[in-house]
Amino acid sequence: MKALEQLERLQRMNQLIKAERTGSPDEFSQRLGISRRQLYTYIENIRDMGADICYSKNRRTFYFCNGHEVEISYSFKIISKELSKTINGGFFQNFLQCAFFLHRTKLIW
């Protein structure tokens, strides 16, 4: 369930950045339960997707500085083994078994 934890963390990051209530980098990373280095890795991944994130020392918060936001959504559904074989010849089942994130949270699609 590592992928699910990472998606939930990304959602929480997005909420805090969008509300401009992250606090300092140290506070933000503590709030998310990750190291400061991991925080910057997540931020870099979000930037790679096209959402520019800036930090204001005066307001002590990260914020989206190019007008873009991130929308993160996912769903989880239990399906039968038989049904999973009929979805693209088993592709769906194999896809769920793959990690959504690789080392250092790089997305694979």
Protein backbone atom coordinates (compact mmCIF):
# COMPACT_ATOMS: atom_id res chain seq x y z
CA MET A 1 0.00 0.00 0.00
CA LYS A 2 3.01 2.25 -0.40
CA ALA A 3 1.50 3.81 -3.54
CA LEU A 4 -1.70 4.65 -1.67
CA GLU A 5 0.30 6.30 1.14
CA GLN A 6 2.19 8.38 -1.42
CA LEU A 7 -1.03 9.46 -3.15
CA GLU A 8 -2.52 10.47 0.18
CA ARG A 9 0.63 12.42 1.02
CA LEU A 10 0.48 14.19 -2.35
CA GLN A 11 -3.16 15.09 -1.68
CA ARG A 12 -2.28 16.50 1.74
CA MET A 13 0.63 18.47 0.25
CA ASN A 14 -1.66 19.83 -2.45
CA GLN A 15 -4.27 20.93 0.11
CA LEU A 16 -1.71 22.74 2.26
CA ILE A 17 0.05 24.41 -0.68
CA LYS A 18 -3.27 25.47 -2.20
CA ALA A 19 -4.39 26.97 1.13
CA GLU A 20 -0.92 28.52 1.56
CA ARG A 21 -0.67 27.02 5.06
CA THR A 22 2.45 24.86 4.82
CA GLY A 23 4.71 26.62 7.30
CA SER A 24 8.47 26.50 6.89
CA PRO A 25 10.06 23.62 4.96
CA ASP A 26 10.93 21.91 8.27
CA GLU A 27 7.38 22.34 9.61
CA PHE A 28 5.89 21.16 6.32
CA SER A 29 8.02 18.02 6.19
CA GLN A 30 7.23 17.22 9.84
CA ARG A 31 3.53 17.71 9.18
CA LEU A 32 3.76 15.19 6.33
CA GLY A 33 5.90 12.75 8.30
CA ILE A 34 8.80 12.86 5.83
CA SER A 35 12.31 14.30 5.76
CA ARG A 36 13.05 17.73 4.37
CA ARG A 37 14.90 16.07 1.48
CA GLN A 38 11.86 13.92 0.66
CA LEU A 39 9.70 17.04 0.73
CA TYR A 40 11.86 18.70 -1.91
CA THR A 41 11.77 15.51 -4.00
CA TYR A 42 7.96 15.59 -3.95
CA ILE A 43 7.97 19.29 -4.82
CA GLU A 44 10.35 18.67 -7.71
CA ASN A 45 8.09 15.89 -9.03
CA ILE A 46 5.09 18.23 -8.90
CA ARG A 47 7.11 20.90 -10.72
CA ASP A 48 8.03 18.33 -13.38
CA MET A 49 4.30 17.91 -14.01
CA GLY A 50 3.97 21.63 -14.74
CA ALA A 51 2.80 23.18 -11.48
CA ASP A 52 5.31 25.76 -10.29
CA ILE A 53 5.68 25.88 -6.52
CA CYS A 54 7.34 28.85 -4.83
CA TYR A 55 8.18 29.63 -1.23
CA SER A 56 7.55 32.95 0.53
CA LYS A 57 9.88 33.66 3.44
CA ASN A 58 7.65 36.53 4.61
CA ARG A 59 4.49 34.41 4.73
CA ARG A 60 6.40 31.20 5.62
CA THR A 61 4.51 29.08 3.12
CA PHE A 62 4.80 27.28 -0.19
CA TYR A 63 2.27 28.31 -2.83
CA PHE A 64 1.42 27.70 -6.49
CA CYS A 65 3.04 30.64 -8.23
CA ASN A 66 2.07 30.14 -11.89
CA GLY A 67 -1.69 29.93 -11.47
CA HIS A 68 -1.71 26.16 -11.92
CA GLU A 69 -2.95 23.73 -9.32
CA VAL A 70 -2.74 19.99 -8.97
CA GLU A 71 -5.76 17.74 -8.93
CA ILE A 72 -5.11 14.34 -7.41
CA SER A 73 -7.76 11.65 -7.38
CA TYR A 74 -7.84 7.89 -7.19
CA SER A 75 -10.29 5.11 -6.57
CA PHE A 76 -9.98 1.66 -5.15
CA LYS A 77 -12.34 -1.16 -6.06
CA ILE A 78 -12.28 -4.87 -5.26
CA ILE A 79 -12.93 -7.00 -8.35
CA SER A 80 -13.09 -10.75 -8.86
CA LYS A 81 -10.21 -12.68 -10.36
CA GLU A 82 -12.39 -13.66 -13.32
CA LEU A 83 -13.32 -10.05 -14.03
CA SER A 84 -9.70 -8.96 -13.78
CA LYS A 85 -8.78 -11.41 -16.55
CA THR A 86 -11.37 -9.93 -18.88
CA ILE A 87 -10.10 -6.38 -18.49
CA ASN A 88 -7.54 -6.05 -21.29
CA GLY A 89 -6.55 -9.70 -20.97
CA GLY A 90 -5.37 -9.33 -17.38
CA PHE A 91 -3.62 -5.99 -17.89
CA PHE A 92 -5.68 -4.39 -15.13
CA GLN A 93 -4.63 -7.00 -12.56
CA ASN A 94 -0.97 -6.71 -13.54
CA PHE A 95 -1.21 -2.92 -13.45
CA LEU A 96 -2.49 -2.99 -9.87
CA GLN A 97 0.36 -5.24 -8.85
CA CYS A 98 2.93 -2.80 -10.27
CA ALA A 99 4.15 0.04 -8.11
CA PHE A 100 2.76 3.41 -9.08
CA PHE A 101 5.92 5.04 -7.84
CA LEU A 102 9.51 4.06 -8.26
CA HIS A 103 12.48 4.97 -6.14
CA ARG A 104 12.27 8.64 -5.10
CA THR A 105 8.57 8.76 -6.01
CA LYS A 106 8.94 9.06 -9.78
CA LEU A 107 5.61 8.35 -11.42
CA ILE A 108 5.27 5.52 -13.92
CA TRP A 109 2.31 5.45 -16.29
